[in-house]
Amino acid sequence: MYLDFQQIKDDSPIETVIERLGLNMKKRGNQYRGKCPICGGSERALAITPSKNAYYCFTDKKGGDVIQLVAHIHEIGVKEAAKWLSSAVPEEKKRKPTKSSEDKGFKPLDYLEPDHEAVVALGFEPEDAERIGVGYAKRGVMRGTVALPVRLSDGTLVGYIGVEDCVLPGSWRF
């Protein structure tokens, strides 16, 4: 039986798993804290952080994701823990959703400046640069470059190439 661990984690919010495991936890700030039913320890020994979908047992000095939490509490391996979690996921959620045509490709960078002097220095008129998605990136991974879109033949945006500067017309440094 194939188990998609990432999909199981995505479909198993740790707060739901806390209830399913029957853990006696108290919410404190952004964590749930309680006594570990396996290791004992203090009333705060088991820490579960929903924003990270993770746990840490201070008594056992171990932690991990939601699958590892189940493995720890049931004292089983991670494969068995994943099967246990998977049995609670409805069949329709087990199948990965397929991307629709509008979800394909990259989201265009909305902060590019088509009228920046570096764009003009490369020979683009600001109106043309805006129309085709070229622009200077003042932030993000492309920061400090002129971002040139890379598209498939169907027009799907698949990424950007960043041009750092233009030493002479026609000689670029990538």
N, C-alpha and C. Protein backbone atom coordinates (compact mmCIF):
# COMPACT_ATOMS: atom_id res chain seq x y z
N MET A 1 0.85 -1.19 0.00
CA MET A 1 0.00 0.00 0.00
C MET A 1 0.89 1.24 0.00
N TYR A 2 0.69 2.10 -1.01
CA TYR A 2 1.45 3.34 -1.12
C TYR A 2 0.88 4.38 -0.16
N LEU A 3 1.77 5.04 0.57
CA LEU A 3 1.37 6.10 1.48
C LEU A 3 2.06 7.39 1.08
N ASP A 4 1.29 8.40 0.78
CA ASP A 4 1.84 9.72 0.45
C ASP A 4 1.95 10.49 1.77
N PHE A 5 3.12 10.44 2.38
CA PHE A 5 3.32 11.04 3.70
C PHE A 5 2.98 12.52 3.70
N GLN A 6 3.39 13.25 2.67
CA GLN A 6 3.12 14.69 2.63
C GLN A 6 1.61 14.95 2.56
N GLN A 7 0.91 14.18 1.75
CA GLN A 7 -0.53 14.36 1.64
C GLN A 7 -1.22 14.01 2.95
N ILE A 8 -0.76 12.97 3.62
CA ILE A 8 -1.34 12.58 4.91
C ILE A 8 -1.14 13.71 5.93
N LYS A 9 0.07 14.30 5.95
CA LYS A 9 0.34 15.42 6.86
C LYS A 9 -0.56 16.61 6.53
N ASP A 10 -0.69 16.90 5.23
CA ASP A 10 -1.52 18.03 4.80
C ASP A 10 -2.98 17.83 5.18
N ASP A 11 -3.44 16.58 5.16
CA ASP A 11 -4.84 16.26 5.45
C ASP A 11 -5.10 16.01 6.93
N SER A 12 -4.07 16.12 7.78
CA SER A 12 -4.21 15.79 9.20
C SER A 12 -3.78 16.96 10.08
N PRO A 13 -4.63 17.97 10.25
CA PRO A 13 -4.27 19.07 11.14
C PRO A 13 -3.99 18.53 12.54
N ILE A 14 -2.95 18.99 13.15
CA ILE A 14 -2.50 18.44 14.42
C ILE A 14 -3.55 18.64 15.52
N GLU A 15 -4.34 19.71 15.44
CA GLU A 15 -5.39 19.93 16.45
C GLU A 15 -6.44 18.82 16.39
N THR A 16 -6.76 18.36 15.20
CA THR A 16 -7.70 17.24 15.04
C THR A 16 -7.08 15.96 15.58
N VAL A 17 -5.79 15.78 15.35
CA VAL A 17 -5.09 14.58 15.80
C VAL A 17 -5.01 14.56 17.33
N ILE A 18 -4.86 15.74 17.96
CA ILE A 18 -4.86 15.81 19.43
C ILE A 18 -6.14 15.18 19.97
N GLU A 19 -7.27 15.57 19.39
CA GLU A 19 -8.56 15.01 19.82
C GLU A 19 -8.64 13.52 19.53
N ARG A 20 -8.24 13.13 18.34
CA ARG A 20 -8.32 11.72 17.95
C ARG A 20 -7.45 10.83 18.83
N LEU A 21 -6.31 11.36 19.27
CA LEU A 21 -5.43 10.60 20.16
C LEU A 21 -5.92 10.62 21.61
N GLY A 22 -6.89 11.50 21.91
CA GLY A 22 -7.41 11.61 23.26
C GLY A 22 -6.44 12.26 24.23
N LEU A 23 -5.60 13.15 23.72
CA LEU A 23 -4.62 13.81 24.57
C LEU A 23 -5.27 14.90 25.42
N ASN A 24 -4.86 14.97 26.67
CA ASN A 24 -5.37 15.99 27.59
C ASN A 24 -4.41 17.17 27.54
N MET A 25 -4.74 18.16 26.72
CA MET A 25 -3.85 19.29 26.48
C MET A 25 -4.55 20.60 26.85
N LYS A 26 -3.77 21.57 27.28
CA LYS A 26 -4.27 22.91 27.57
C LYS A 26 -3.61 23.88 26.61
N LYS A 27 -4.44 24.75 26.04
CA LYS A 27 -3.90 25.74 25.11
C LYS A 27 -3.27 26.88 25.90
N ARG A 28 -2.01 27.18 25.56
CA ARG A 28 -1.27 28.27 26.18
C ARG A 28 -0.56 29.02 25.06
N GLY A 29 -1.06 30.21 24.76
CA GLY A 29 -0.48 30.98 23.66
C GLY A 29 -0.70 30.28 22.34
N ASN A 30 0.39 30.05 21.62
CA ASN A 30 0.27 29.40 20.31
C ASN A 30 0.55 27.90 20.39
N GLN A 31 0.57 27.34 21.61
CA GLN A 31 0.85 25.92 21.79
C GLN A 31 -0.20 25.25 22.66
N TYR A 32 -0.22 23.93 22.52
CA TYR A 32 -0.96 23.09 23.46
C TYR A 32 0.11 22.41 24.32
N ARG A 33 -0.12 22.37 25.63
CA ARG A 33 0.83 21.74 26.55
C ARG A 33 0.10 20.73 27.42
N GLY A 34 0.79 19.66 27.76
CA GLY A 34 0.21 18.65 28.63
C GLY A 34 1.24 17.61 28.99
N LYS A 35 0.83 16.68 29.84
CA LYS A 35 1.69 15.58 30.26
C LYS A 35 1.72 14.55 29.15
N CYS A 36 2.90 14.03 28.85
CA CYS A 36 3.00 13.00 27.81
C CYS A 36 2.47 11.69 28.39
N PRO A 37 1.45 11.09 27.75
CA PRO A 37 0.88 9.85 28.28
C PRO A 37 1.85 8.66 28.19
N ILE A 38 2.91 8.78 27.43
CA ILE A 38 3.88 7.70 27.28
C ILE A 38 5.07 7.90 28.21
N CYS A 39 5.62 9.11 28.22
CA CYS A 39 6.86 9.38 28.95
C CYS A 39 6.63 9.95 30.35
N GLY A 40 5.44 10.47 30.59
CA GLY A 40 5.19 11.13 31.88
C GLY A 40 5.76 12.52 31.86
N GLY A 41 6.52 12.83 32.89
CA GLY A 41 7.09 14.17 32.99
C GLY A 41 6.10 15.15 33.58
N SER A 42 6.41 16.41 33.44
CA SER A 42 5.57 17.47 34.02
C SER A 42 4.28 17.63 33.21
N GLU A 43 3.43 18.50 33.70
CA GLU A 43 2.16 18.81 33.03
C GLU A 43 2.38 19.64 31.76
N ARG A 44 3.63 20.00 31.48
CA ARG A 44 3.97 20.78 30.30
C ARG A 44 4.98 20.05 29.41
N ALA A 45 5.20 18.77 29.67
CA ALA A 45 6.26 18.02 28.99
C ALA A 45 6.00 17.84 27.50
N LEU A 46 4.74 17.75 27.10
CA LEU A 46 4.41 17.56 25.69
C LEU A 46 3.92 18.89 25.14
N ALA A 47 4.63 19.40 24.15
CA ALA A 47 4.27 20.68 23.51
C ALA A 47 3.88 20.42 22.06
N ILE A 48 2.71 20.93 21.69
CA ILE A 48 2.23 20.78 20.32
C ILE A 48 1.96 22.17 19.77
N THR A 49 2.56 22.45 18.61
CA THR A 49 2.46 23.77 17.99
C THR A 49 1.70 23.64 16.67
N PRO A 50 0.41 24.01 16.66
CA PRO A 50 -0.39 23.86 15.44
C PRO A 50 0.15 24.63 14.23
N SER A 51 0.72 25.82 14.44
CA SER A 51 1.21 26.60 13.30
C SER A 51 2.34 25.88 12.57
N LYS A 52 3.04 24.99 13.26
CA LYS A 52 4.13 24.21 12.65
C LYS A 52 3.69 22.78 12.37
N ASN A 53 2.49 22.42 12.81
CA ASN A 53 1.98 21.05 12.70
C ASN A 53 3.02 20.08 13.26
N ALA A 54 3.55 20.47 14.46
CA ALA A 54 4.66 19.72 15.05
C ALA A 54 4.49 19.56 16.55
N TYR A 55 5.28 18.62 17.10
CA TYR A 55 5.25 18.39 18.55
C TYR A 55 6.68 18.27 19.07
N TYR A 56 6.82 18.39 20.41
CA TYR A 56 8.09 18.10 21.07
C TYR A 56 7.79 17.55 22.45
N CYS A 57 8.43 16.42 22.78
CA CYS A 57 8.29 15.83 24.10
C CYS A 57 9.58 16.13 24.86
N PHE A 58 9.47 16.98 25.87
CA PHE A 58 10.65 17.38 26.64
C PHE A 58 11.19 16.23 27.49
N THR A 59 10.35 15.30 27.88
CA THR A 59 10.82 14.15 28.66
C THR A 59 11.65 13.21 27.80
N ASP A 60 11.16 12.92 26.60
CA ASP A 60 11.83 12.02 25.67
C ASP A 60 12.91 12.74 24.85
N LYS A 61 12.85 14.09 24.87
CA LYS A 61 13.77 14.92 24.09
C LYS A 61 13.70 14.60 22.59
N LYS A 62 12.47 14.40 22.11
CA LYS A 62 12.23 14.13 20.70
C LYS A 62 11.01 14.90 20.24
N GLY A 63 10.97 15.17 18.96
CA GLY A 63 9.83 15.85 18.38
C GLY A 63 9.73 15.54 16.91
N GLY A 64 8.78 16.20 16.27
CA GLY A 64 8.62 15.98 14.84
C GLY A 64 7.26 16.43 14.36
N ASP A 65 6.87 15.88 13.22
CA ASP A 65 5.61 16.27 12.60
C ASP A 65 4.45 15.45 13.17
N VAL A 66 3.29 15.60 12.56
CA VAL A 66 2.07 14.96 13.06
C VAL A 66 2.17 13.43 12.99
N ILE A 67 2.84 12.91 11.97
CA ILE A 67 3.00 11.46 11.85
C ILE A 67 3.89 10.94 12.99
N GLN A 68 4.95 11.66 13.27
CA GLN A 68 5.85 11.26 14.35
C GLN A 68 5.18 11.38 15.72
N LEU A 69 4.25 12.33 15.86
CA LEU A 69 3.48 12.44 17.10
C LEU A 69 2.66 11.17 17.32
N VAL A 70 1.97 10.73 16.29
CA VAL A 70 1.16 9.51 16.39
C VAL A 70 2.06 8.31 16.70
N ALA A 71 3.22 8.25 16.03
CA ALA A 71 4.16 7.15 16.28
C ALA A 71 4.62 7.17 17.74
N HIS A 72 4.87 8.35 18.27
CA HIS A 72 5.33 8.48 19.66
C HIS A 72 4.24 8.04 20.64
N ILE A 73 3.04 8.53 20.45
CA ILE A 73 1.94 8.25 21.39
C ILE A 73 1.52 6.78 21.32
N HIS A 74 1.49 6.20 20.13
CA HIS A 74 1.09 4.80 19.98
C HIS A 74 2.27 3.84 20.10
N GLU A 75 3.47 4.39 20.19
CA GLU A 75 4.69 3.59 20.27
C GLU A 75 4.78 2.60 19.10
N ILE A 76 4.65 3.19 17.89
CA ILE A 76 4.71 2.41 16.66
C ILE A 76 5.66 3.12 15.69
N GLY A 77 5.92 2.51 14.57
CA GLY A 77 6.76 3.12 13.54
C GLY A 77 5.99 4.19 12.76
N VAL A 78 6.73 4.99 12.01
CA VAL A 78 6.08 6.07 11.27
C VAL A 78 5.18 5.55 10.16
N LYS A 79 5.51 4.43 9.56
CA LYS A 79 4.65 3.88 8.51
C LYS A 79 3.30 3.47 9.08
N GLU A 80 3.32 2.83 10.24
CA GLU A 80 2.07 2.44 10.90
C GLU A 80 1.29 3.68 11.34
N ALA A 81 2.03 4.69 11.80
CA ALA A 81 1.38 5.94 12.21
C ALA A 81 0.72 6.63 11.02
N ALA A 82 1.38 6.62 9.88
CA ALA A 82 0.81 7.21 8.67
C ALA A 82 -0.45 6.45 8.24
N LYS A 83 -0.41 5.12 8.36
CA LYS A 83 -1.61 4.32 8.04
C LYS A 83 -2.75 4.67 8.99
N TRP A 84 -2.43 4.84 10.28
CA TRP A 84 -3.44 5.19 11.28
C TRP A 84 -4.07 6.53 10.94
N LEU A 85 -3.23 7.51 10.58
CA LEU A 85 -3.76 8.83 10.21
C LEU A 85 -4.56 8.74 8.92
N SER A 86 -4.06 7.99 7.97
CA SER A 86 -4.72 7.87 6.67
C SER A 86 -6.10 7.26 6.79
N SER A 87 -6.30 6.40 7.77
CA SER A 87 -7.61 5.77 7.94
C SER A 87 -8.69 6.76 8.36
N ALA A 88 -8.29 7.93 8.84
CA ALA A 88 -9.26 8.95 9.25
C ALA A 88 -9.53 9.97 8.15
N VAL A 89 -8.75 9.91 7.06
CA VAL A 89 -8.90 10.88 5.98
C VAL A 89 -9.94 10.35 4.99
N PRO A 90 -10.98 11.15 4.71
CA PRO A 90 -11.98 10.70 3.74
C PRO A 90 -11.35 10.43 2.37
N GLU A 91 -11.88 9.47 1.63
CA GLU A 91 -11.33 9.06 0.34
C GLU A 91 -11.15 10.23 -0.61
N GLU A 92 -12.11 11.16 -0.65
CA GLU A 92 -12.02 12.27 -1.59
C GLU A 92 -10.85 13.20 -1.27
N LYS A 93 -10.40 13.24 -0.02
CA LYS A 93 -9.26 14.07 0.34
C LYS A 93 -7.94 13.36 0.08
N LYS A 94 -7.96 12.04 -0.06
CA LYS A 94 -6.73 11.28 -0.28
C LYS A 94 -6.19 11.51 -1.68
N ARG A 95 -7.07 11.80 -2.63
CA ARG A 95 -6.62 12.05 -3.99
C ARG A 95 -6.12 13.48 -4.09
N LYS A 96 -4.96 13.64 -4.70
CA LYS A 96 -4.42 14.99 -4.88
C LYS A 96 -5.27 15.71 -5.91
N PRO A 97 -5.63 16.95 -5.61
CA PRO A 97 -6.40 17.71 -6.59
C PRO A 97 -5.53 18.01 -7.81
N THR A 98 -6.15 17.96 -8.96
CA THR A 98 -5.40 18.30 -10.18
C THR A 98 -5.48 19.80 -10.37
N LYS A 99 -4.41 20.33 -10.93
CA LYS A 99 -4.38 21.78 -11.16
C LYS A 99 -5.29 22.12 -12.33
N SER A 100 -6.04 23.18 -12.17
CA SER A 100 -6.83 23.67 -13.29
C SER A 100 -5.91 24.50 -14.17
N SER A 101 -6.35 24.80 -15.36
CA SER A 101 -5.50 25.53 -16.30
C SER A 101 -5.09 26.89 -15.76
N GLU A 102 -5.94 27.54 -14.97
CA GLU A 102 -5.57 28.85 -14.43
C GLU A 102 -4.58 28.75 -13.27
N ASP A 103 -4.39 27.55 -12.70
CA ASP A 103 -3.42 27.37 -11.62
C ASP A 103 -2.02 27.06 -12.14
N LYS A 104 -1.89 26.77 -13.42
CA LYS A 104 -0.60 26.37 -13.97
C LYS A 104 0.32 27.58 -14.06
N GLY A 105 1.60 27.33 -13.92
CA GLY A 105 2.59 28.38 -14.09
C GLY A 105 2.80 29.21 -12.84
N PHE A 106 3.63 30.22 -12.97
CA PHE A 106 3.96 31.13 -11.89
C PHE A 106 2.97 32.29 -11.85
N LYS A 107 2.83 32.84 -10.69
CA LYS A 107 2.04 34.06 -10.56
C LYS A 107 2.96 35.21 -10.97
N PRO A 108 2.48 36.10 -11.85
CA PRO A 108 3.33 37.23 -12.26
C PRO A 108 3.72 38.09 -11.05
N LEU A 109 4.94 38.60 -11.09
CA LEU A 109 5.42 39.47 -10.01
C LEU A 109 4.75 40.83 -10.18
N ASP A 110 3.94 41.22 -9.22
CA ASP A 110 3.17 42.46 -9.34
C ASP A 110 3.93 43.71 -8.91
N TYR A 111 5.16 43.55 -8.45
CA TYR A 111 5.92 44.71 -7.98
C TYR A 111 7.00 45.16 -8.96
N LEU A 112 7.04 44.58 -10.15
CA LEU A 112 8.04 44.98 -11.14
C LEU A 112 7.76 46.38 -11.65
N GLU A 113 8.83 47.14 -11.89
CA GLU A 113 8.72 48.52 -12.37
C GLU A 113 9.11 48.57 -13.85
N PRO A 114 8.11 48.61 -14.76
CA PRO A 114 8.42 48.60 -16.19
C PRO A 114 9.05 49.91 -16.68
N ASP A 115 8.92 50.98 -15.92
CA ASP A 115 9.46 52.27 -16.36
C ASP A 115 10.79 52.63 -15.69
N HIS A 116 11.43 51.67 -15.04
CA HIS A 116 12.70 51.91 -14.36
C HIS A 116 13.79 52.14 -15.40
N GLU A 117 14.80 52.96 -15.06
CA GLU A 117 15.88 53.29 -16.00
C GLU A 117 16.67 52.07 -16.46
N ALA A 118 16.78 51.04 -15.64
CA ALA A 118 17.49 49.82 -16.04
C ALA A 118 16.73 49.09 -17.14
N VAL A 119 15.40 49.15 -17.10
CA VAL A 119 14.57 48.52 -18.13
C VAL A 119 14.74 49.27 -19.45
N VAL A 120 14.70 50.59 -19.37
CA VAL A 120 14.88 51.44 -20.55
C VAL A 120 16.27 51.24 -21.13
N ALA A 121 17.29 51.08 -20.25
CA ALA A 121 18.67 50.88 -20.72
C ALA A 121 18.81 49.60 -21.51
N LEU A 122 17.95 48.63 -21.26
CA LEU A 122 17.98 47.38 -22.03
C LEU A 122 17.24 47.48 -23.35
N GLY A 123 16.62 48.65 -23.62
CA GLY A 123 15.97 48.87 -24.90
C GLY A 123 14.47 48.67 -24.90
N PHE A 124 13.86 48.52 -23.72
CA PHE A 124 12.40 48.36 -23.64
C PHE A 124 11.72 49.70 -23.43
N GLU A 125 10.70 49.97 -24.19
CA GLU A 125 9.83 51.11 -23.91
C GLU A 125 8.96 50.72 -22.71
N PRO A 126 8.69 51.62 -21.77
CA PRO A 126 7.91 51.26 -20.57
C PRO A 126 6.57 50.60 -20.88
N GLU A 127 5.87 51.06 -21.93
CA GLU A 127 4.57 50.49 -22.27
C GLU A 127 4.71 49.04 -22.73
N ASP A 128 5.75 48.79 -23.55
CA ASP A 128 5.99 47.42 -24.03
C ASP A 128 6.43 46.52 -22.88
N ALA A 129 7.29 47.03 -22.01
CA ALA A 129 7.76 46.26 -20.86
C ALA A 129 6.59 45.85 -19.97
N GLU A 130 5.68 46.78 -19.74
CA GLU A 130 4.52 46.47 -18.91
C GLU A 130 3.63 45.42 -19.57
N ARG A 131 3.43 45.55 -20.87
CA ARG A 131 2.57 44.62 -21.61
C ARG A 131 3.11 43.19 -21.57
N ILE A 132 4.42 43.03 -21.67
CA ILE A 132 4.98 41.67 -21.71
C ILE A 132 5.48 41.19 -20.34
N GLY A 133 5.42 42.06 -19.33
CA GLY A 133 5.76 41.63 -17.97
C GLY A 133 7.21 41.80 -17.58
N VAL A 134 7.94 42.66 -18.27
CA VAL A 134 9.33 42.95 -17.94
C VAL A 134 9.35 44.10 -16.95
N GLY A 135 10.26 44.04 -15.99
CA GLY A 135 10.36 45.16 -15.05
C GLY A 135 11.52 45.00 -14.09
N TYR A 136 11.88 46.09 -13.47
CA TYR A 136 12.94 46.11 -12.46
C TYR A 136 12.35 45.64 -11.13
N ALA A 137 13.06 44.72 -10.48
CA ALA A 137 12.60 44.18 -9.19
C ALA A 137 13.38 44.87 -8.07
N LYS A 138 12.67 45.63 -7.26
CA LYS A 138 13.35 46.31 -6.14
C LYS A 138 13.29 45.49 -4.86
N ARG A 139 12.62 44.31 -4.91
CA ARG A 139 12.55 43.43 -3.74
C ARG A 139 12.42 41.99 -4.21
N GLY A 140 12.42 41.08 -3.25
CA GLY A 140 12.24 39.66 -3.56
C GLY A 140 13.52 39.02 -4.05
N VAL A 141 13.40 37.79 -4.52
CA VAL A 141 14.55 37.02 -4.99
C VAL A 141 15.21 37.70 -6.18
N MET A 142 14.44 38.37 -6.99
CA MET A 142 14.96 39.02 -8.20
C MET A 142 15.48 40.44 -7.92
N ARG A 143 15.52 40.84 -6.66
CA ARG A 143 15.91 42.20 -6.26
C ARG A 143 17.19 42.64 -6.98
N GLY A 144 17.14 43.85 -7.52
CA GLY A 144 18.31 44.43 -8.17
C GLY A 144 18.52 44.00 -9.60
N THR A 145 17.55 43.30 -10.18
CA THR A 145 17.68 42.86 -11.57
C THR A 145 16.47 43.31 -12.38
N VAL A 146 16.66 43.29 -13.68
CA VAL A 146 15.52 43.45 -14.58
C VAL A 146 15.01 42.03 -14.82
N ALA A 147 13.76 41.79 -14.46
CA ALA A 147 13.18 40.46 -14.58
C ALA A 147 12.52 40.30 -15.94
N LEU A 148 12.99 39.29 -16.68
CA LEU A 148 12.43 38.99 -17.99
C LEU A 148 11.61 37.71 -17.87
N PRO A 149 10.32 37.74 -18.23
CA PRO A 149 9.49 36.54 -18.07
C PRO A 149 9.88 35.44 -19.06
N VAL A 150 9.75 34.20 -18.60
CA VAL A 150 9.98 33.03 -19.45
C VAL A 150 8.63 32.34 -19.56
N ARG A 151 8.17 32.16 -20.80
CA ARG A 151 6.84 31.59 -21.02
C ARG A 151 6.92 30.38 -21.95
N LEU A 152 5.97 29.46 -21.76
CA LEU A 152 5.82 28.32 -22.66
C LEU A 152 5.14 28.80 -23.93
N SER A 153 5.08 27.94 -24.93
CA SER A 153 4.47 28.33 -26.20
C SER A 153 2.99 28.68 -26.04
N ASP A 154 2.33 28.14 -24.99
CA ASP A 154 0.92 28.48 -24.76
C ASP A 154 0.75 29.75 -23.94
N GLY A 155 1.87 30.42 -23.60
CA GLY A 155 1.80 31.67 -22.84
C GLY A 155 1.91 31.51 -21.33
N THR A 156 1.98 30.27 -20.85
CA THR A 156 2.07 30.04 -19.40
C THR A 156 3.41 30.56 -18.88
N LEU A 157 3.36 31.40 -17.86
CA LEU A 157 4.57 31.93 -17.24
C LEU A 157 5.20 30.84 -16.39
N VAL A 158 6.48 30.51 -16.67
CA VAL A 158 7.15 29.45 -15.93
C VAL A 158 8.31 29.97 -15.08
N GLY A 159 8.60 31.25 -15.16
CA GLY A 159 9.67 31.82 -14.34
C GLY A 159 10.18 33.12 -14.91
N TYR A 160 11.30 33.55 -14.36
CA TYR A 160 11.93 34.79 -14.78
C TYR A 160 13.44 34.59 -14.91
N ILE A 161 14.03 35.36 -15.79
CA ILE A 161 15.48 35.47 -15.88
C ILE A 161 15.81 36.87 -15.41
N GLY A 162 16.80 36.99 -14.53
CA GLY A 162 17.18 38.30 -14.02
C GLY A 162 18.44 38.81 -14.69
N VAL A 163 18.36 40.00 -15.26
CA VAL A 163 19.50 40.65 -15.87
C VAL A 163 20.00 41.68 -14.88
N GLU A 164 21.28 41.54 -14.46
CA GLU A 164 21.82 42.44 -13.44
C GLU A 164 22.08 43.83 -13.96
N ASP A 165 22.81 43.94 -15.05
CA ASP A 165 23.09 45.26 -15.59
C ASP A 165 23.43 45.13 -17.06
N CYS A 166 23.54 46.26 -17.68
CA CYS A 166 23.84 46.32 -19.09
C CYS A 166 25.13 47.14 -19.24
N VAL A 167 26.24 46.46 -19.49
CA VAL A 167 27.52 47.16 -19.62
C VAL A 167 27.55 47.95 -20.92
N LEU A 168 27.28 47.31 -22.01
CA LEU A 168 27.15 47.94 -23.31
C LEU A 168 25.90 47.38 -23.98
N PRO A 169 25.27 48.13 -24.86
CA PRO A 169 24.11 47.56 -25.55
C PRO A 169 24.45 46.22 -26.19
N GLY A 170 23.65 45.24 -25.86
CA GLY A 170 23.82 43.90 -26.41
C GLY A 170 24.73 43.00 -25.61
N SER A 171 25.44 43.50 -24.60
CA SER A 171 26.29 42.62 -23.78
C SER A 171 25.79 42.65 -22.34
N TRP A 172 25.09 41.60 -21.97
CA TRP A 172 24.47 41.52 -20.66
C TRP A 172 25.28 40.62 -19.76
N ARG A 173 25.16 40.86 -18.49
CA ARG A 173 25.78 39.99 -17.50
C ARG A 173 24.67 39.31 -16.72
N PHE A 174 24.59 37.97 -16.80
CA PHE A 174 23.53 37.22 -16.12
C PHE A 174 24.02 36.70 -14.81
